[in-house]
Amino acid sequence: MAQLLTLNQPSAEAVNWFIRLLAQTGLHVSRSFDLRAALAADTPCTCPHHAGNCDCDMVVLLVYGTEQRPATVVAHSHNGRTWLSLVDDGEDRPSSAFKLQIKAALAVLRI
């Protein structure tokens, strides 16, 4: 995976921001998996980062553009920070042009 960005935001805020930002550039993002949504409310935290009040999350996002296949972005978060990474291996490898289109959408942060 190729890391795209680190945000000082919890998962829900970071993912919603990412979806809105990419929508502004004409890309569509769909949630494929959300760990928090998949876990039962009474499931205890078993992650290596916390022993109790766990805010860890992993969200898999599918980014659609003009390509036949979507690009896969994984958002992993804990302690109020979220790391967005582009899956860039195997059959899920997006074209170079599509990767540049996604990265260009995120470039607004560097202005």
PDB file of N, CA and C in Angstrom:
ATOM      1  N   MET A   1       0.840  -1.180   0.000  1.00  0.00           N
ATOM      2  CA  MET A   1       0.000   0.000   0.000  1.00  0.00           C
ATOM      3  C   MET A   1       0.878   1.234   0.000  1.00  0.00           C
ATOM      4  N   ALA A   2       0.394   2.247  -0.645  1.00  0.00           N
ATOM      5  CA  ALA A   2       1.102   3.521  -0.705  1.00  0.00           C
ATOM      6  C   ALA A   2       0.333   4.544   0.122  1.00  0.00           C
ATOM      7  N   GLN A   3       0.984   5.048   1.166  1.00  0.00           N
ATOM      8  CA  GLN A   3       0.294   6.012   2.021  1.00  0.00           C
ATOM      9  C   GLN A   3       0.033   7.299   1.257  1.00  0.00           C
ATOM     10  N   LEU A   4      -1.205   7.760   1.341  1.00  0.00           N
ATOM     11  CA  LEU A   4      -1.611   8.988   0.678  1.00  0.00           C
ATOM     12  C   LEU A   4      -1.540  10.186   1.614  1.00  0.00           C
ATOM     13  N   LEU A   5      -2.007   9.973   2.847  1.00  0.00           N
ATOM     14  CA  LEU A   5      -2.216  11.112   3.720  1.00  0.00           C
ATOM     15  C   LEU A   5      -2.441  10.654   5.156  1.00  0.00           C
ATOM     16  N   THR A   6      -2.009  11.473   6.105  1.00  0.00           N
ATOM     17  CA  THR A   6      -2.326  11.262   7.515  1.00  0.00           C
ATOM     18  C   THR A   6      -3.109  12.474   7.985  1.00  0.00           C
ATOM     19  N   LEU A   7      -4.242  12.222   8.633  1.00  0.00           N
ATOM     20  CA  LEU A   7      -5.089  13.303   9.130  1.00  0.00           C
ATOM     21  C   LEU A   7      -5.211  13.213  10.638  1.00  0.00           C
ATOM     22  N   ASN A   8      -5.215  14.342  11.294  1.00  0.00           N
ATOM     23  CA  ASN A   8      -5.424  14.389  12.736  1.00  0.00           C
ATOM     24  C   ASN A   8      -6.923  14.480  13.016  1.00  0.00           C
ATOM     25  N   GLN A   9      -7.620  13.474  12.552  1.00  0.00           N
ATOM     26  CA  GLN A   9      -9.065  13.382  12.726  1.00  0.00           C
ATOM     27  C   GLN A   9      -9.421  11.923  12.977  1.00  0.00           C
ATOM     28  N   PRO A  10     -10.491  11.695  13.744  1.00  0.00           N
ATOM     29  CA  PRO A  10     -10.955  10.314  13.898  1.00  0.00           C
ATOM     30  C   PRO A  10     -11.502   9.786  12.578  1.00  0.00           C
ATOM     31  N   SER A  11     -11.671   8.499  12.510  1.00  0.00           N
ATOM     32  CA  SER A  11     -12.061   7.817  11.285  1.00  0.00           C
ATOM     33  C   SER A  11     -13.284   8.407  10.597  1.00  0.00           C
ATOM     34  N   ALA A  12     -14.371   8.560  11.322  1.00  0.00           N
ATOM     35  CA  ALA A  12     -15.623   9.027  10.701  1.00  0.00           C
ATOM     36  C   ALA A  12     -15.439  10.375  10.031  1.00  0.00           C
ATOM     37  N   GLU A  13     -14.784  11.314  10.718  1.00  0.00           N
ATOM     38  CA  GLU A  13     -14.564  12.646  10.148  1.00  0.00           C
ATOM     39  C   GLU A  13     -13.645  12.585   8.936  1.00  0.00           C
ATOM     40  N   ALA A  14     -12.551  11.848   9.052  1.00  0.00           N
ATOM     41  CA  ALA A  14     -11.572  11.757   7.966  1.00  0.00           C
ATOM     42  C   ALA A  14     -12.172  11.110   6.719  1.00  0.00           C
ATOM     43  N   VAL A  15     -12.897  10.022   6.908  1.00  0.00           N
ATOM     44  CA  VAL A  15     -13.494   9.321   5.765  1.00  0.00           C
ATOM     45  C   VAL A  15     -14.545  10.185   5.091  1.00  0.00           C
ATOM     46  N   ASN A  16     -15.398  10.842   5.876  1.00  0.00           N
ATOM     47  CA  ASN A  16     -16.416  11.716   5.284  1.00  0.00           C
ATOM     48  C   ASN A  16     -15.776  12.869   4.518  1.00  0.00           C
ATOM     49  N   TRP A  17     -14.704  13.441   5.068  1.00  0.00           N
ATOM     50  CA  TRP A  17     -13.987  14.514   4.391  1.00  0.00           C
ATOM     51  C   TRP A  17     -13.404  14.015   3.063  1.00  0.00           C
ATOM     52  N   PHE A  18     -12.770  12.841   3.085  1.00  0.00           N
ATOM     53  CA  PHE A  18     -12.168  12.257   1.888  1.00  0.00           C
ATOM     54  C   PHE A  18     -13.230  12.029   0.815  1.00  0.00           C
ATOM     55  N   ILE A  19     -14.374  11.488   1.195  1.00  0.00           N
ATOM     56  CA  ILE A  19     -15.454  11.235   0.241  1.00  0.00           C
ATOM     57  C   ILE A  19     -15.945  12.540  -0.375  1.00  0.00           C
ATOM     58  N   ARG A  20     -16.167  13.563   0.456  1.00  0.00           N
ATOM     59  CA  ARG A  20     -16.626  14.866  -0.072  1.00  0.00           C
ATOM     60  C   ARG A  20     -15.591  15.488  -0.999  1.00  0.00           C
ATOM     61  N   LEU A  21     -14.321  15.437  -0.615  1.00  0.00           N
ATOM     62  CA  LEU A  21     -13.257  16.036  -1.418  1.00  0.00           C
ATOM     63  C   LEU A  21     -13.166  15.373  -2.787  1.00  0.00           C
ATOM     64  N   LEU A  22     -13.179  14.052  -2.826  1.00  0.00           N
ATOM     65  CA  LEU A  22     -13.089  13.358  -4.103  1.00  0.00           C
ATOM     66  C   LEU A  22     -14.335  13.578  -4.952  1.00  0.00           C
ATOM     67  N   ALA A  23     -15.495  13.715  -4.318  1.00  0.00           N
ATOM     68  CA  ALA A  23     -16.728  13.997  -5.066  1.00  0.00           C
ATOM     69  C   ALA A  23     -16.630  15.341  -5.781  1.00  0.00           C
ATOM     70  N   GLN A  24     -15.953  16.304  -5.177  1.00  0.00           N
ATOM     71  CA  GLN A  24     -15.780  17.619  -5.792  1.00  0.00           C
ATOM     72  C   GLN A  24     -14.948  17.551  -7.070  1.00  0.00           C
ATOM     73  N   THR A  25     -14.157  16.494  -7.218  1.00  0.00           N
ATOM     74  CA  THR A  25     -13.324  16.346  -8.413  1.00  0.00           C
ATOM     75  C   THR A  25     -13.941  15.369  -9.411  1.00  0.00           C
ATOM     76  N   GLY A  26     -15.184  14.938  -9.155  1.00  0.00           N
ATOM     77  CA  GLY A  26     -15.879  14.062 -10.087  1.00  0.00           C
ATOM     78  C   GLY A  26     -15.693  12.582  -9.835  1.00  0.00           C
ATOM     79  N   LEU A  27     -15.028  12.228  -8.733  1.00  0.00           N
ATOM     80  CA  LEU A  27     -14.855  10.819  -8.393  1.00  0.00           C
ATOM     81  C   LEU A  27     -15.939  10.404  -7.403  1.00  0.00           C
ATOM     82  N   HIS A  28     -16.339   9.161  -7.475  1.00  0.00           N
ATOM     83  CA  HIS A  28     -17.354   8.625  -6.566  1.00  0.00           C
ATOM     84  C   HIS A  28     -16.680   7.628  -5.629  1.00  0.00           C
ATOM     85  N   VAL A  29     -16.973   7.739  -4.339  1.00  0.00           N
ATOM     86  CA  VAL A  29     -16.379   6.848  -3.348  1.00  0.00           C
ATOM     87  C   VAL A  29     -17.489   6.074  -2.656  1.00  0.00           C
ATOM     88  N   SER A  30     -17.285   4.769  -2.548  1.00  0.00           N
ATOM     89  CA  SER A  30     -18.242   3.888  -1.901  1.00  0.00           C
ATOM     90  C   SER A  30     -17.551   3.155  -0.759  1.00  0.00           C
ATOM     91  N   ARG A  31     -18.237   3.057   0.391  1.00  0.00           N
ATOM     92  CA  ARG A  31     -17.694   2.303   1.524  1.00  0.00           C
ATOM     93  C   ARG A  31     -17.913   0.823   1.259  1.00  0.00           C
ATOM     94  N   SER A  32     -16.837   0.073   1.253  1.00  0.00           N
ATOM     95  CA  SER A  32     -16.923  -1.362   1.036  1.00  0.00           C
ATOM     96  C   SER A  32     -16.979  -2.113   2.359  1.00  0.00           C
ATOM     97  N   PHE A  33     -16.270  -1.589   3.364  1.00  0.00           N
ATOM     98  CA  PHE A  33     -16.201  -2.242   4.669  1.00  0.00           C
ATOM     99  C   PHE A  33     -15.903  -1.194   5.722  1.00  0.00           C
ATOM    100  N   ASP A  34     -16.530  -1.323   6.883  1.00  0.00           N
ATOM    101  CA  ASP A  34     -16.260  -0.456   8.027  1.00  0.00           C
ATOM    102  C   ASP A  34     -16.221  -1.346   9.261  1.00  0.00           C
ATOM    103  N   LEU A  35     -15.065  -1.437   9.873  1.00  0.00           N
ATOM    104  CA  LEU A  35     -14.884  -2.317  11.022  1.00  0.00           C
ATOM    105  C   LEU A  35     -15.852  -1.994  12.147  1.00  0.00           C
ATOM    106  N   ARG A  36     -16.013  -0.725  12.477  1.00  0.00           N
ATOM    107  CA  ARG A  36     -16.898  -0.322  13.576  1.00  0.00           C
ATOM    108  C   ARG A  36     -18.337  -0.706  13.286  1.00  0.00           C
ATOM    109  N   ALA A  37     -18.758  -0.553  12.049  1.00  0.00           N
ATOM    110  CA  ALA A  37     -20.126  -0.926  11.684  1.00  0.00           C
ATOM    111  C   ALA A  37     -20.317  -2.436  11.724  1.00  0.00           C
ATOM    112  N   ALA A  38     -19.240  -3.181  11.446  1.00  0.00           N
ATOM    113  CA  ALA A  38     -19.331  -4.636  11.413  1.00  0.00           C
ATOM    114  C   ALA A  38     -19.323  -5.266  12.806  1.00  0.00           C
ATOM    115  N   LEU A  39     -18.718  -4.584  13.771  1.00  0.00           N
ATOM    116  CA  LEU A  39     -18.638  -5.130  15.129  1.00  0.00           C
ATOM    117  C   LEU A  39     -19.941  -4.909  15.880  1.00  0.00           C
ATOM    118  N   ALA A  40     -20.298  -5.859  16.684  1.00  0.00           N
ATOM    119  CA  ALA A  40     -21.451  -5.687  17.565  1.00  0.00           C
ATOM    120  C   ALA A  40     -21.101  -4.646  18.627  1.00  0.00           C
ATOM    121  N   ALA A  41     -22.089  -3.925  19.104  1.00  0.00           N
ATOM    122  CA  ALA A  41     -21.859  -2.848  20.067  1.00  0.00           C
ATOM    123  C   ALA A  41     -21.182  -3.338  21.344  1.00  0.00           C
ATOM    124  N   ASP A  42     -21.414  -4.569  21.720  1.00  0.00           N
ATOM    125  CA  ASP A  42     -20.840  -5.078  22.964  1.00  0.00           C
ATOM    126  C   ASP A  42     -19.552  -5.875  22.760  1.00  0.00           C
ATOM    127  N   THR A  43     -18.969  -5.819  21.554  1.00  0.00           N
ATOM    128  CA  THR A  43     -17.723  -6.532  21.279  1.00  0.00           C
ATOM    129  C   THR A  43     -16.562  -5.792  21.935  1.00  0.00           C
ATOM    130  N   PRO A  44     -15.810  -6.455  22.789  1.00  0.00           N
ATOM    131  CA  PRO A  44     -14.681  -5.779  23.453  1.00  0.00           C
ATOM    132  C   PRO A  44     -13.528  -5.537  22.480  1.00  0.00           C
ATOM    133  N   CYS A  45     -12.754  -4.533  22.771  1.00  0.00           N
ATOM    134  CA  CYS A  45     -11.590  -4.195  21.956  1.00  0.00           C
ATOM    135  C   CYS A  45     -10.510  -5.257  22.158  1.00  0.00           C
ATOM    136  N   THR A  46      -9.978  -5.757  21.076  1.00  0.00           N
ATOM    137  CA  THR A  46      -8.884  -6.726  21.157  1.00  0.00           C
ATOM    138  C   THR A  46      -7.661  -6.249  20.374  1.00  0.00           C
ATOM    139  N   CYS A  47      -7.639  -4.969  20.030  1.00  0.00           N
ATOM    140  CA  CYS A  47      -6.509  -4.464  19.250  1.00  0.00           C
ATOM    141  C   CYS A  47      -5.272  -4.309  20.139  1.00  0.00           C
ATOM    142  N   PRO A  48      -4.090  -4.241  19.552  1.00  0.00           N
ATOM    143  CA  PRO A  48      -2.862  -4.128  20.336  1.00  0.00           C
ATOM    144  C   PRO A  48      -2.619  -2.720  20.886  1.00  0.00           C
ATOM    145  N   HIS A  49      -3.448  -1.734  20.485  1.00  0.00           N
ATOM    146  CA  HIS A  49      -3.213  -0.346  20.889  1.00  0.00           C
ATOM    147  C   HIS A  49      -3.923   0.047  22.178  1.00  0.00           C
ATOM    148  N   HIS A  50      -5.002  -0.661  22.509  1.00  0.00           N
ATOM    149  CA  HIS A  50      -5.833  -0.237  23.633  1.00  0.00           C
ATOM    150  C   HIS A  50      -6.285  -1.428  24.467  1.00  0.00           C
ATOM    151  N   ALA A  51      -6.602  -1.141  25.698  1.00  0.00           N
ATOM    152  CA  ALA A  51      -7.116  -2.199  26.570  1.00  0.00           C
ATOM    153  C   ALA A  51      -8.565  -1.938  26.949  1.00  0.00           C
ATOM    154  N   GLY A  52      -9.100  -0.835  26.528  1.00  0.00           N
ATOM    155  CA  GLY A  52     -10.467  -0.508  26.928  1.00  0.00           C
ATOM    156  C   GLY A  52     -11.166   0.369  25.908  1.00  0.00           C
ATOM    157  N   ASN A  53     -11.179   1.653  26.163  1.00  0.00           N
ATOM    158  CA  ASN A  53     -11.879   2.599  25.287  1.00  0.00           C
ATOM    159  C   ASN A  53     -11.162   2.731  23.952  1.00  0.00           C
ATOM    160  N   CYS A  54     -11.456   1.832  23.071  1.00  0.00           N
ATOM    161  CA  CYS A  54     -10.765   1.741  21.788  1.00  0.00           C
ATOM    162  C   CYS A  54     -11.499   2.555  20.722  1.00  0.00           C
ATOM    163  N   ASP A  55     -10.754   3.368  20.007  1.00  0.00           N
ATOM    164  CA  ASP A  55     -11.356   4.108  18.898  1.00  0.00           C
ATOM    165  C   ASP A  55     -10.782   3.643  17.554  1.00  0.00           C
ATOM    166  N   CYS A  56     -10.124   2.494  17.536  1.00  0.00           N
ATOM    167  CA  CYS A  56      -9.541   1.982  16.292  1.00  0.00           C
ATOM    168  C   CYS A  56     -10.638   1.687  15.271  1.00  0.00           C
ATOM    169  N   ASP A  57     -10.308   1.899  14.018  1.00  0.00           N
ATOM    170  CA  ASP A  57     -11.250   1.612  12.939  1.00  0.00           C
ATOM    171  C   ASP A  57     -10.457   1.328  11.672  1.00  0.00           C
ATOM    172  N   MET A  58     -11.076   0.590  10.785  1.00  0.00           N
ATOM    173  CA  MET A  58     -10.530   0.364   9.458  1.00  0.00           C
ATOM    174  C   MET A  58     -11.702   0.421   8.487  1.00  0.00           C
ATOM    175  N   VAL A  59     -11.570   1.272   7.489  1.00  0.00           N
ATOM    176  CA  VAL A  59     -12.618   1.442   6.490  1.00  0.00           C
ATOM    177  C   VAL A  59     -11.988   1.210   5.121  1.00  0.00           C
ATOM    178  N   VAL A  60     -12.631   0.383   4.314  1.00  0.00           N
ATOM    179  CA  VAL A  60     -12.169   0.136   2.953  1.00  0.00           C
ATOM    180  C   VAL A  60     -13.087   0.911   2.020  1.00  0.00           C
ATOM    181  N   LEU A  61     -12.470   1.754   1.191  1.00  0.00           N
ATOM    182  CA  LEU A  61     -13.209   2.613   0.270  1.00  0.00           C
ATOM    183  C   LEU A  61     -12.881   2.241  -1.173  1.00  0.00           C
ATOM    184  N   LEU A  62     -13.888   2.231  -2.017  1.00  0.00           N
ATOM    185  CA  LEU A  62     -13.695   2.002  -3.445  1.00  0.00           C
ATOM    186  C   LEU A  62     -13.897   3.329  -4.154  1.00  0.00           C
ATOM    187  N   VAL A  63     -12.883   3.751  -4.905  1.00  0.00           N
ATOM    188  CA  VAL A  63     -12.919   5.037  -5.606  1.00  0.00           C
ATOM    189  C   VAL A  63     -13.173   4.762  -7.079  1.00  0.00           C
ATOM    190  N   TYR A  64     -14.268   5.326  -7.585  1.00  0.00           N
ATOM    191  CA  TYR A  64     -14.659   5.124  -8.977  1.00  0.00           C
ATOM    192  C   TYR A  64     -14.439   6.400  -9.780  1.00  0.00           C
ATOM    193  N   GLY A  65     -13.889   6.205 -10.963  1.00  0.00           N
ATOM    194  CA  GLY A  65     -13.690   7.300 -11.904  1.00  0.00           C
ATOM    195  C   GLY A  65     -14.063   6.790 -13.278  1.00  0.00           C
ATOM    196  N   THR A  66     -13.229   7.061 -14.253  1.00  0.00           N
ATOM    197  CA  THR A  66     -13.488   6.588 -15.610  1.00  0.00           C
ATOM    198  C   THR A  66     -12.855   5.223 -15.877  1.00  0.00           C
ATOM    199  N   GLU A  67     -12.086   4.718 -14.927  1.00  0.00           N
ATOM    200  CA  GLU A  67     -11.455   3.404 -15.061  1.00  0.00           C
ATOM    201  C   GLU A  67     -12.505   2.299 -14.988  1.00  0.00           C
ATOM    202  N   GLN A  68     -12.214   1.146 -15.562  1.00  0.00           N
ATOM    203  CA  GLN A  68     -13.124   0.011 -15.464  1.00  0.00           C
ATOM    204  C   GLN A  68     -13.221  -0.508 -14.043  1.00  0.00           C
ATOM    205  N   ARG A  69     -12.105  -0.494 -13.329  1.00  0.00           N
ATOM    206  CA  ARG A  69     -12.063  -1.012 -11.957  1.00  0.00           C
ATOM    207  C   ARG A  69     -11.843   0.145 -10.989  1.00  0.00           C
ATOM    208  N   PRO A  70     -12.440   0.048  -9.810  1.00  0.00           N
ATOM    209  CA  PRO A  70     -12.201   1.109  -8.822  1.00  0.00           C
ATOM    210  C   PRO A  70     -10.814   0.967  -8.197  1.00  0.00           C
ATOM    211  N   ALA A  71     -10.328   2.067  -7.657  1.00  0.00           N
ATOM    212  CA  ALA A  71      -9.118   2.040  -6.835  1.00  0.00           C
ATOM    213  C   ALA A  71      -9.574   1.763  -5.407  1.00  0.00           C
ATOM    214  N   THR A  72      -8.751   1.068  -4.643  1.00  0.00           N
ATOM    215  CA  THR A  72      -9.081   0.747  -3.255  1.00  0.00           C
ATOM    216  C   THR A  72      -8.229   1.604  -2.328  1.00  0.00           C
ATOM    217  N   VAL A  73      -8.894   2.290  -1.408  1.00  0.00           N
ATOM    218  CA  VAL A  73      -8.218   3.106  -0.398  1.00  0.00           C
ATOM    219  C   VAL A  73      -8.624   2.563   0.964  1.00  0.00           C
ATOM    220  N   VAL A  74      -7.633   2.371   1.833  1.00  0.00           N
ATOM    221  CA  VAL A  74      -7.888   1.878   3.180  1.00  0.00           C
ATOM    222  C   VAL A  74      -7.620   3.020   4.155  1.00  0.00           C
ATOM    223  N   ALA A  75      -8.594   3.262   5.024  1.00  0.00           N
ATOM    224  CA  ALA A  75      -8.440   4.249   6.100  1.00  0.00           C
ATOM    225  C   ALA A  75      -8.293   3.471   7.399  1.00  0.00           C
ATOM    226  N   HIS A  76      -7.157   3.631   8.060  1.00  0.00           N
ATOM    227  CA  HIS A  76      -6.912   2.978   9.350  1.00  0.00           C
ATOM    228  C   HIS A  76      -6.743   4.079  10.374  1.00  0.00           C
ATOM    229  N   SER A  77      -7.412   3.945  11.517  1.00  0.00           N
ATOM    230  CA  SER A  77      -7.297   5.012  12.510  1.00  0.00           C
ATOM    231  C   SER A  77      -7.245   4.477  13.930  1.00  0.00           C
ATOM    232  N   HIS A  78      -6.573   5.244  14.769  1.00  0.00           N
ATOM    233  CA  HIS A  78      -6.610   5.062  16.221  1.00  0.00           C
ATOM    234  C   HIS A  78      -6.030   6.309  16.867  1.00  0.00           C
ATOM    235  N   ASN A  79      -6.422   6.538  18.102  1.00  0.00           N
ATOM    236  CA  ASN A  79      -5.999   7.723  18.861  1.00  0.00           C
ATOM    237  C   ASN A  79      -6.282   9.031  18.129  1.00  0.00           C
ATOM    238  N   GLY A  80      -7.407   9.097  17.441  1.00  0.00           N
ATOM    239  CA  GLY A  80      -7.802  10.336  16.791  1.00  0.00           C
ATOM    240  C   GLY A  80      -7.042  10.682  15.527  1.00  0.00           C
ATOM    241  N   ARG A  81      -6.250   9.761  14.989  1.00  0.00           N
ATOM    242  CA  ARG A  81      -5.510   9.983  13.736  1.00  0.00           C
ATOM    243  C   ARG A  81      -5.952   8.948  12.724  1.00  0.00           C
ATOM    244  N   THR A  82      -5.955   9.346  11.455  1.00  0.00           N
ATOM    245  CA  THR A  82      -6.361   8.441  10.379  1.00  0.00           C
ATOM    246  C   THR A  82      -5.320   8.472   9.273  1.00  0.00           C
ATOM    247  N   TRP A  83      -4.934   7.281   8.836  1.00  0.00           N
ATOM    248  CA  TRP A  83      -3.988   7.109   7.747  1.00  0.00           C
ATOM    249  C   TRP A  83      -4.751   6.584   6.536  1.00  0.00           C
ATOM    250  N   LEU A  84      -4.656   7.282   5.419  1.00  0.00           N
ATOM    251  CA  LEU A  84      -5.287   6.861   4.170  1.00  0.00           C
ATOM    252  C   LEU A  84      -4.209   6.289   3.260  1.00  0.00           C
ATOM    253  N   SER A  85      -4.429   5.067   2.803  1.00  0.00           N
ATOM    254  CA  SER A  85      -3.449   4.400   1.944  1.00  0.00           C
ATOM    255  C   SER A  85      -4.130   3.846   0.707  1.00  0.00           C
ATOM    256  N   LEU A  86      -3.444   3.927  -0.410  1.00  0.00           N
ATOM    257  CA  LEU A  86      -3.922   3.412  -1.680  1.00  0.00           C
ATOM    258  C   LEU A  86      -3.362   2.013  -1.884  1.00  0.00           C
ATOM    259  N   VAL A  87      -4.253   1.042  -2.121  1.00  0.00           N
ATOM    260  CA  VAL A  87      -3.807  -0.317  -2.417  1.00  0.00           C
ATOM    261  C   VAL A  87      -3.189  -0.281  -3.804  1.00  0.00           C
ATOM    262  N   ASP A  88      -1.925  -0.651  -3.879  1.00  0.00           N
ATOM    263  CA  ASP A  88      -1.169  -0.489  -5.124  1.00  0.00           C
ATOM    264  C   ASP A  88      -0.379  -1.757  -5.445  1.00  0.00           C
ATOM    265  N   ASP A  89      -1.055  -2.900  -5.306  1.00  0.00           N
ATOM    266  CA  ASP A  89      -0.367  -4.146  -5.632  1.00  0.00           C
ATOM    267  C   ASP A  89      -1.371  -5.169  -6.145  1.00  0.00           C
ATOM    268  N   GLY A  90      -0.868  -6.179  -6.773  1.00  0.00           N
ATOM    269  CA  GLY A  90      -1.728  -7.244  -7.279  1.00  0.00           C
ATOM    270  C   GLY A  90      -2.741  -6.760  -8.297  1.00  0.00           C
ATOM    271  N   GLU A  91      -3.893  -7.380  -8.298  1.00  0.00           N
ATOM    272  CA  GLU A  91      -4.936  -7.039  -9.261  1.00  0.00           C
ATOM    273  C   GLU A  91      -5.620  -5.719  -8.940  1.00  0.00           C
ATOM    274  N   ASP A  92      -5.438  -5.217  -7.718  1.00  0.00           N
ATOM    275  CA  ASP A  92      -6.084  -3.969  -7.329  1.00  0.00           C
ATOM    276  C   ASP A  92      -5.285  -2.734  -7.718  1.00  0.00           C
ATOM    277  N   ARG A  93      -4.236  -2.913  -8.482  1.00  0.00           N
ATOM    278  CA  ARG A  93      -3.378  -1.788  -8.856  1.00  0.00           C
ATOM    279  C   ARG A  93      -4.099  -0.867  -9.842  1.00  0.00           C
ATOM    280  N   PRO A  94      -4.333   0.394  -9.450  1.00  0.00           N
ATOM    281  CA  PRO A  94      -4.944   1.347 -10.378  1.00  0.00           C
ATOM    282  C   PRO A  94      -3.919   1.833 -11.401  1.00  0.00           C
ATOM    283  N   SER A  95      -4.405   2.355 -12.492  1.00  0.00           N
ATOM    284  CA  SER A  95      -3.492   2.886 -13.514  1.00  0.00           C
ATOM    285  C   SER A  95      -2.755   4.099 -12.953  1.00  0.00           C
ATOM    286  N   SER A  96      -1.647   4.434 -13.570  1.00  0.00           N
ATOM    287  CA  SER A  96      -0.872   5.603 -13.134  1.00  0.00           C
ATOM    288  C   SER A  96      -1.698   6.877 -13.226  1.00  0.00           C
ATOM    289  N   ALA A  97      -2.488   6.998 -14.289  1.00  0.00           N
ATOM    290  CA  ALA A  97      -3.322   8.193 -14.465  1.00  0.00           C
ATOM    291  C   ALA A  97      -4.371   8.302 -13.366  1.00  0.00           C
ATOM    292  N   PHE A  98      -4.961   7.172 -12.990  1.00  0.00           N
ATOM    293  CA  PHE A  98      -5.976   7.181 -11.939  1.00  0.00           C
ATOM    294  C   PHE A  98      -5.358   7.520 -10.586  1.00  0.00           C
ATOM    295  N   LYS A  99      -4.168   6.985 -10.302  1.00  0.00           N
ATOM    296  CA  LYS A  99      -3.473   7.323  -9.066  1.00  0.00           C
ATOM    297  C   LYS A  99      -3.184   8.818  -9.010  1.00  0.00           C
ATOM    298  N   LEU A 100      -2.744   9.380 -10.124  1.00  0.00           N
ATOM    299  CA  LEU A 100      -2.462  10.817 -10.171  1.00  0.00           C
ATOM    300  C   LEU A 100      -3.723  11.641  -9.961  1.00  0.00           C
ATOM    301  N   GLN A 101      -4.847  11.182 -10.491  1.00  0.00           N
ATOM    302  CA  GLN A 101      -6.113  11.886 -10.327  1.00  0.00           C
ATOM    303  C   GLN A 101      -6.517  11.914  -8.843  1.00  0.00           C
ATOM    304  N   ILE A 102      -6.354  10.804  -8.162  1.00  0.00           N
ATOM    305  CA  ILE A 102      -6.679  10.743  -6.717  1.00  0.00           C
ATOM    306  C   ILE A 102      -5.733  11.627  -5.926  1.00  0.00           C
ATOM    307  N   LYS A 103      -4.445  11.532  -6.223  1.00  0.00           N
ATOM    308  CA  LYS A 103      -3.449  12.356  -5.508  1.00  0.00           C
ATOM    309  C   LYS A 103      -3.656  13.840  -5.782  1.00  0.00           C
ATOM    310  N   ALA A 104      -4.056  14.202  -6.991  1.00  0.00           N
ATOM    311  CA  ALA A 104      -4.298  15.597  -7.329  1.00  0.00           C
ATOM    312  C   ALA A 104      -5.465  16.159  -6.510  1.00  0.00           C
ATOM    313  N   ALA A 105      -6.471  15.326  -6.270  1.00  0.00           N
ATOM    314  CA  ALA A 105      -7.609  15.762  -5.450  1.00  0.00           C
ATOM    315  C   ALA A 105      -7.141  16.090  -4.033  1.00  0.00           C
ATOM    316  N   LEU A 106      -6.159  15.358  -3.541  1.00  0.00           N
ATOM    317  CA  LEU A 106      -5.650  15.576  -2.191  1.00  0.00           C
ATOM    318  C   LEU A 106      -4.622  16.715  -2.125  1.00  0.00           C
ATOM    319  N   ALA A 107      -4.154  17.168  -3.272  1.00  0.00           N
ATOM    320  CA  ALA A 107      -3.131  18.210  -3.316  1.00  0.00           C
ATOM    321  C   ALA A 107      -3.623  19.534  -2.779  1.00  0.00           C
ATOM    322  N   VAL A 108      -4.917  19.738  -2.661  1.00  0.00           N
ATOM    323  CA  VAL A 108      -5.439  20.993  -2.140  1.00  0.00           C
ATOM    324  C   VAL A 108      -4.932  21.239  -0.721  1.00  0.00           C
ATOM    325  N   LEU A 109      -4.566  20.190  -0.017  1.00  0.00           N
ATOM    326  CA  LEU A 109      -4.060  20.349   1.353  1.00  0.00           C
ATOM    327  C   LEU A 109      -2.679  20.944   1.391  1.00  0.00           C
ATOM    328  N   ARG A 110      -1.960  20.840   0.316  1.00  0.00           N
ATOM    329  CA  ARG A 110      -0.565  21.293   0.296  1.00  0.00           C
ATOM    330  C   ARG A 110      -0.424  22.728  -0.189  1.00  0.00           C
ATOM    331  N   ILE A 111      -1.549  23.364  -0.499  1.00  0.00           N
ATOM    332  CA  ILE A 111      -1.504  24.753  -0.996  1.00  0.00           C
ATOM    333  C   ILE A 111      -1.306  25.706   0.163  1.00  0.00           C
TER     334      ILE A 111
END
